[in-house]
Amino acid sequence: MADRHPVLGRLYRVWLARAEGAAMPQAEAITGRLADLDDVIVLIRRSAESDGVLRIERSGKVVDQLYGTALAGEFVGRLTPSREDAENEASIVFASGRTLMMEDQVQLPGGPARIARLYLPFAAADGRTEGIVIGIAKAV
């Protein structure tokens, strides 16, 4: 991963370090400022609403530029060519508490591109998966 997507490799190393040996870091350890990595992430949390639809809580400048719009408040399905793909990917991470790396072709405002997504879960105080930091990078 670090060879093909250096920024995602850096994000993964930060995630591991902030987990401090646990299966995943606590929310407060990973959802704050991530320095320059803030620009390449989106943040999602389990919805408190009854419909359970996942929305992007926060998105970085580089991600917003890639997609041609600010993604905060958008459905997580906006990240992939098929809305169901992003929802399924996030559901797998929420259920398992494990990381997930995906790459596919998407249509962006600047034309088609390969986009890699690295899903990194974070925990609530009770240890269950509270949300996911998703690193997004254009494949080179």
C-alpha atoms as a PDB file:
ATOM      1  CA  MET A   1       0.000   0.000   0.000  1.00  0.00           C
ATOM      2  CA  ALA A   2       2.731   2.486   0.951  1.00  0.00           C
ATOM      3  CA  ASP A   3       4.341   2.124  -2.489  1.00  0.00           C
ATOM      4  CA  ARG A   4       1.165   2.719  -4.514  1.00  0.00           C
ATOM      5  CA  HIS A   5      -0.501   5.167  -2.134  1.00  0.00           C
ATOM      6  CA  PRO A   6       2.117   6.819   0.125  1.00  0.00           C
ATOM      7  CA  VAL A   7      -0.395   9.138   1.824  1.00  0.00           C
ATOM      8  CA  LEU A   8      -2.625   6.178   2.744  1.00  0.00           C
ATOM      9  CA  GLY A   9       0.424   4.344   4.080  1.00  0.00           C
ATOM     10  CA  ARG A  10       1.175   7.338   6.320  1.00  0.00           C
ATOM     11  CA  LEU A  11      -2.452   7.479   7.473  1.00  0.00           C
ATOM     12  CA  TYR A  12      -2.362   3.759   8.320  1.00  0.00           C
ATOM     13  CA  ARG A  13       0.835   4.184  10.369  1.00  0.00           C
ATOM     14  CA  VAL A  14      -0.752   7.068  12.326  1.00  0.00           C
ATOM     15  CA  TRP A  15      -3.866   4.935  12.919  1.00  0.00           C
ATOM     16  CA  LEU A  16      -1.720   2.032  14.220  1.00  0.00           C
ATOM     17  CA  ALA A  17       0.304   4.305  16.495  1.00  0.00           C
ATOM     18  CA  ARG A  18      -2.793   5.937  17.980  1.00  0.00           C
ATOM     19  CA  ALA A  19      -4.366   2.533  18.634  1.00  0.00           C
ATOM     20  CA  GLU A  20      -1.548   1.934  21.157  1.00  0.00           C
ATOM     21  CA  GLY A  21      -1.728  -1.845  20.780  1.00  0.00           C
ATOM     22  CA  ALA A  22      -5.538  -2.073  20.837  1.00  0.00           C
ATOM     23  CA  ALA A  23      -7.609  -3.421  17.938  1.00  0.00           C
ATOM     24  CA  MET A  24      -8.464   0.164  16.956  1.00  0.00           C
ATOM     25  CA  PRO A  25      -7.873   3.641  18.381  1.00  0.00           C
ATOM     26  CA  GLN A  26     -10.406   5.396  20.558  1.00  0.00           C
ATOM     27  CA  ALA A  27     -12.424   8.126  18.823  1.00  0.00           C
ATOM     28  CA  GLU A  28     -10.680  10.993  20.612  1.00  0.00           C
ATOM     29  CA  ALA A  29      -7.257   9.655  19.560  1.00  0.00           C
ATOM     30  CA  ILE A  30      -7.987   9.647  15.817  1.00  0.00           C
ATOM     31  CA  THR A  31     -10.833  12.046  15.014  1.00  0.00           C
ATOM     32  CA  GLY A  32      -8.999  15.212  16.020  1.00  0.00           C
ATOM     33  CA  ARG A  33      -6.549  17.030  13.818  1.00  0.00           C
ATOM     34  CA  LEU A  34      -4.365  14.729  11.730  1.00  0.00           C
ATOM     35  CA  ALA A  35      -2.098  17.506  10.418  1.00  0.00           C
ATOM     36  CA  ASP A  36      -1.717  17.296   6.646  1.00  0.00           C
ATOM     37  CA  LEU A  37      -3.609  13.990   6.581  1.00  0.00           C
ATOM     38  CA  ASP A  38      -6.836  15.860   7.403  1.00  0.00           C
ATOM     39  CA  ASP A  39      -6.961  16.885   3.761  1.00  0.00           C
ATOM     40  CA  VAL A  40      -7.236  13.303   2.462  1.00  0.00           C
ATOM     41  CA  ILE A  41      -9.888  11.860   4.759  1.00  0.00           C
ATOM     42  CA  VAL A  42     -13.604  11.688   5.273  1.00  0.00           C
ATOM     43  CA  LEU A  43     -15.102  10.837   8.636  1.00  0.00           C
ATOM     44  CA  ILE A  44     -18.302   8.878   9.155  1.00  0.00           C
ATOM     45  CA  ARG A  45     -20.062   7.752  12.326  1.00  0.00           C
ATOM     46  CA  ARG A  46     -22.973   5.474  13.037  1.00  0.00           C
ATOM     47  CA  SER A  47     -26.156   7.409  12.484  1.00  0.00           C
ATOM     48  CA  ALA A  48     -28.257   8.193  15.529  1.00  0.00           C
ATOM     49  CA  GLU A  49     -31.230   8.532  13.185  1.00  0.00           C
ATOM     50  CA  SER A  50     -33.638   5.635  12.770  1.00  0.00           C
ATOM     51  CA  ASP A  51     -33.043   5.345   9.018  1.00  0.00           C
ATOM     52  CA  GLY A  52     -29.414   4.289   9.632  1.00  0.00           C
ATOM     53  CA  VAL A  53     -28.170   6.021   6.477  1.00  0.00           C
ATOM     54  CA  LEU A  54     -24.477   6.836   6.756  1.00  0.00           C
ATOM     55  CA  ARG A  55     -23.464  10.418   6.079  1.00  0.00           C
ATOM     56  CA  ILE A  56     -20.062  12.014   5.788  1.00  0.00           C
ATOM     57  CA  GLU A  57     -19.463  14.100   8.909  1.00  0.00           C
ATOM     58  CA  ARG A  58     -16.253  15.766   7.767  1.00  0.00           C
ATOM     59  CA  SER A  59     -14.254  15.813   4.526  1.00  0.00           C
ATOM     60  CA  GLY A  60     -10.794  17.073   3.686  1.00  0.00           C
ATOM     61  CA  LYS A  61      -9.854  19.717   1.120  1.00  0.00           C
ATOM     62  CA  VAL A  62      -8.080  17.286  -1.222  1.00  0.00           C
ATOM     63  CA  VAL A  63     -11.053  14.904  -1.154  1.00  0.00           C
ATOM     64  CA  ASP A  64     -13.487  17.738  -1.839  1.00  0.00           C
ATOM     65  CA  GLN A  65     -11.327  18.872  -4.770  1.00  0.00           C
ATOM     66  CA  LEU A  66     -11.224  15.336  -6.204  1.00  0.00           C
ATOM     67  CA  TYR A  67     -15.004  14.996  -6.048  1.00  0.00           C
ATOM     68  CA  GLY A  68     -15.640  18.595  -7.123  1.00  0.00           C
ATOM     69  CA  THR A  69     -17.791  19.468  -4.104  1.00  0.00           C
ATOM     70  CA  ALA A  70     -17.739  19.598  -0.310  1.00  0.00           C
ATOM     71  CA  LEU A  71     -18.747  16.115   0.819  1.00  0.00           C
ATOM     72  CA  ALA A  72     -19.640  16.911   4.442  1.00  0.00           C
ATOM     73  CA  GLY A  73     -23.322  16.039   4.904  1.00  0.00           C
ATOM     74  CA  GLU A  74     -23.450  13.840   1.785  1.00  0.00           C
ATOM     75  CA  PHE A  75     -24.375  10.150   1.905  1.00  0.00           C
ATOM     76  CA  VAL A  76     -21.374   7.821   2.145  1.00  0.00           C
ATOM     77  CA  GLY A  77     -22.579   6.257  -1.132  1.00  0.00           C
ATOM     78  CA  ARG A  78     -21.205   9.330  -2.899  1.00  0.00           C
ATOM     79  CA  LEU A  79     -17.683   7.865  -2.534  1.00  0.00           C
ATOM     80  CA  THR A  80     -18.104   4.973  -4.979  1.00  0.00           C
ATOM     81  CA  PRO A  81     -19.628   4.423  -8.425  1.00  0.00           C
ATOM     82  CA  SER A  82     -22.447   2.452  -6.794  1.00  0.00           C
ATOM     83  CA  ARG A  83     -24.063   3.780  -3.634  1.00  0.00           C
ATOM     84  CA  GLU A  84     -24.502   0.228  -2.382  1.00  0.00           C
ATOM     85  CA  ASP A  85     -20.747  -0.458  -2.663  1.00  0.00           C
ATOM     86  CA  ALA A  86     -19.796   2.276  -0.198  1.00  0.00           C
ATOM     87  CA  GLU A  87     -22.614   1.334   2.178  1.00  0.00           C
ATOM     88  CA  ASN A  88     -21.549  -2.346   2.084  1.00  0.00           C
ATOM     89  CA  GLU A  89     -17.888  -1.477   2.589  1.00  0.00           C
ATOM     90  CA  ALA A  90     -18.692   0.706   5.611  1.00  0.00           C
ATOM     91  CA  SER A  91     -21.038  -1.969   7.019  1.00  0.00           C
ATOM     92  CA  ILE A  92     -18.258  -4.561   6.836  1.00  0.00           C
ATOM     93  CA  VAL A  93     -15.903  -2.281   8.758  1.00  0.00           C
ATOM     94  CA  PHE A  94     -18.550  -1.375  11.354  1.00  0.00           C
ATOM     95  CA  ALA A  95     -19.412  -5.057  11.895  1.00  0.00           C
ATOM     96  CA  SER A  96     -15.859  -6.399  11.981  1.00  0.00           C
ATOM     97  CA  GLY A  97     -13.903  -3.494  13.462  1.00  0.00           C
ATOM     98  CA  ARG A  98     -11.197  -4.261  10.890  1.00  0.00           C
ATOM     99  CA  THR A  99      -9.559  -2.151   8.221  1.00  0.00           C
ATOM    100  CA  LEU A 100     -10.517  -2.406   4.560  1.00  0.00           C
ATOM    101  CA  MET A 101      -8.759  -1.205   1.410  1.00  0.00           C
ATOM    102  CA  MET A 102     -10.700  -0.762  -1.838  1.00  0.00           C
ATOM    103  CA  GLU A 103      -9.810   0.683  -5.214  1.00  0.00           C
ATOM    104  CA  ASP A 104     -12.031   1.263  -8.211  1.00  0.00           C
ATOM    105  CA  GLN A 105     -12.737   3.446 -11.198  1.00  0.00           C
ATOM    106  CA  VAL A 106     -14.918   6.483 -10.527  1.00  0.00           C
ATOM    107  CA  GLN A 107     -16.231   9.330 -12.637  1.00  0.00           C
ATOM    108  CA  LEU A 108     -14.998  12.613 -11.215  1.00  0.00           C
ATOM    109  CA  PRO A 109     -15.557  16.172 -12.454  1.00  0.00           C
ATOM    110  CA  GLY A 110     -12.077  16.062 -14.021  1.00  0.00           C
ATOM    111  CA  GLY A 111     -12.847  12.783 -15.798  1.00  0.00           C
ATOM    112  CA  PRO A 112     -12.514   9.100 -14.888  1.00  0.00           C
ATOM    113  CA  ALA A 113      -9.919   8.156 -12.259  1.00  0.00           C
ATOM    114  CA  ARG A 114      -8.881   5.236 -10.077  1.00  0.00           C
ATOM    115  CA  ILE A 115      -9.524   6.056  -6.430  1.00  0.00           C
ATOM    116  CA  ALA A 116      -8.244   4.101  -3.429  1.00  0.00           C
ATOM    117  CA  ARG A 117     -10.147   4.140  -0.145  1.00  0.00           C
ATOM    118  CA  LEU A 118      -8.663   2.973   3.152  1.00  0.00           C
ATOM    119  CA  TYR A 119     -11.308   2.388   5.833  1.00  0.00           C
ATOM    120  CA  LEU A 120      -9.917   2.727   9.383  1.00  0.00           C
ATOM    121  CA  PRO A 121     -12.376   2.123  12.252  1.00  0.00           C
ATOM    122  CA  PHE A 122     -12.267   3.873  15.613  1.00  0.00           C
ATOM    123  CA  ALA A 123     -13.821   2.829  18.907  1.00  0.00           C
ATOM    124  CA  ALA A 124     -16.278   4.306  21.350  1.00  0.00           C
ATOM    125  CA  ALA A 125     -15.482   4.186  25.079  1.00  0.00           C
ATOM    126  CA  ASP A 126     -17.215   0.790  25.288  1.00  0.00           C
ATOM    127  CA  GLY A 127     -14.930  -0.666  22.601  1.00  0.00           C
ATOM    128  CA  ARG A 128     -17.485  -1.011  19.808  1.00  0.00           C
ATOM    129  CA  THR A 129     -16.865   0.584  16.443  1.00  0.00           C
ATOM    130  CA  GLU A 130     -18.144   4.159  16.624  1.00  0.00           C
ATOM    131  CA  GLY A 131     -17.026   5.424  13.246  1.00  0.00           C
ATOM    132  CA  ILE A 132     -14.592   5.227  10.372  1.00  0.00           C
ATOM    133  CA  VAL A 133     -11.861   7.478   9.061  1.00  0.00           C
ATOM    134  CA  ILE A 134     -11.641   6.873   5.309  1.00  0.00           C
ATOM    135  CA  GLY A 135      -8.432   7.894   3.589  1.00  0.00           C
ATOM    136  CA  ILE A 136      -8.951   8.672  -0.093  1.00  0.00           C
ATOM    137  CA  ALA A 137      -6.232   8.960  -2.721  1.00  0.00           C
ATOM    138  CA  LYS A 138      -6.115   9.104  -6.461  1.00  0.00           C
ATOM    139  CA  ALA A 139      -4.194   6.095  -7.763  1.00  0.00           C
ATOM    140  CA  VAL A 140      -1.023   6.922  -9.645  1.00  0.00           C
END
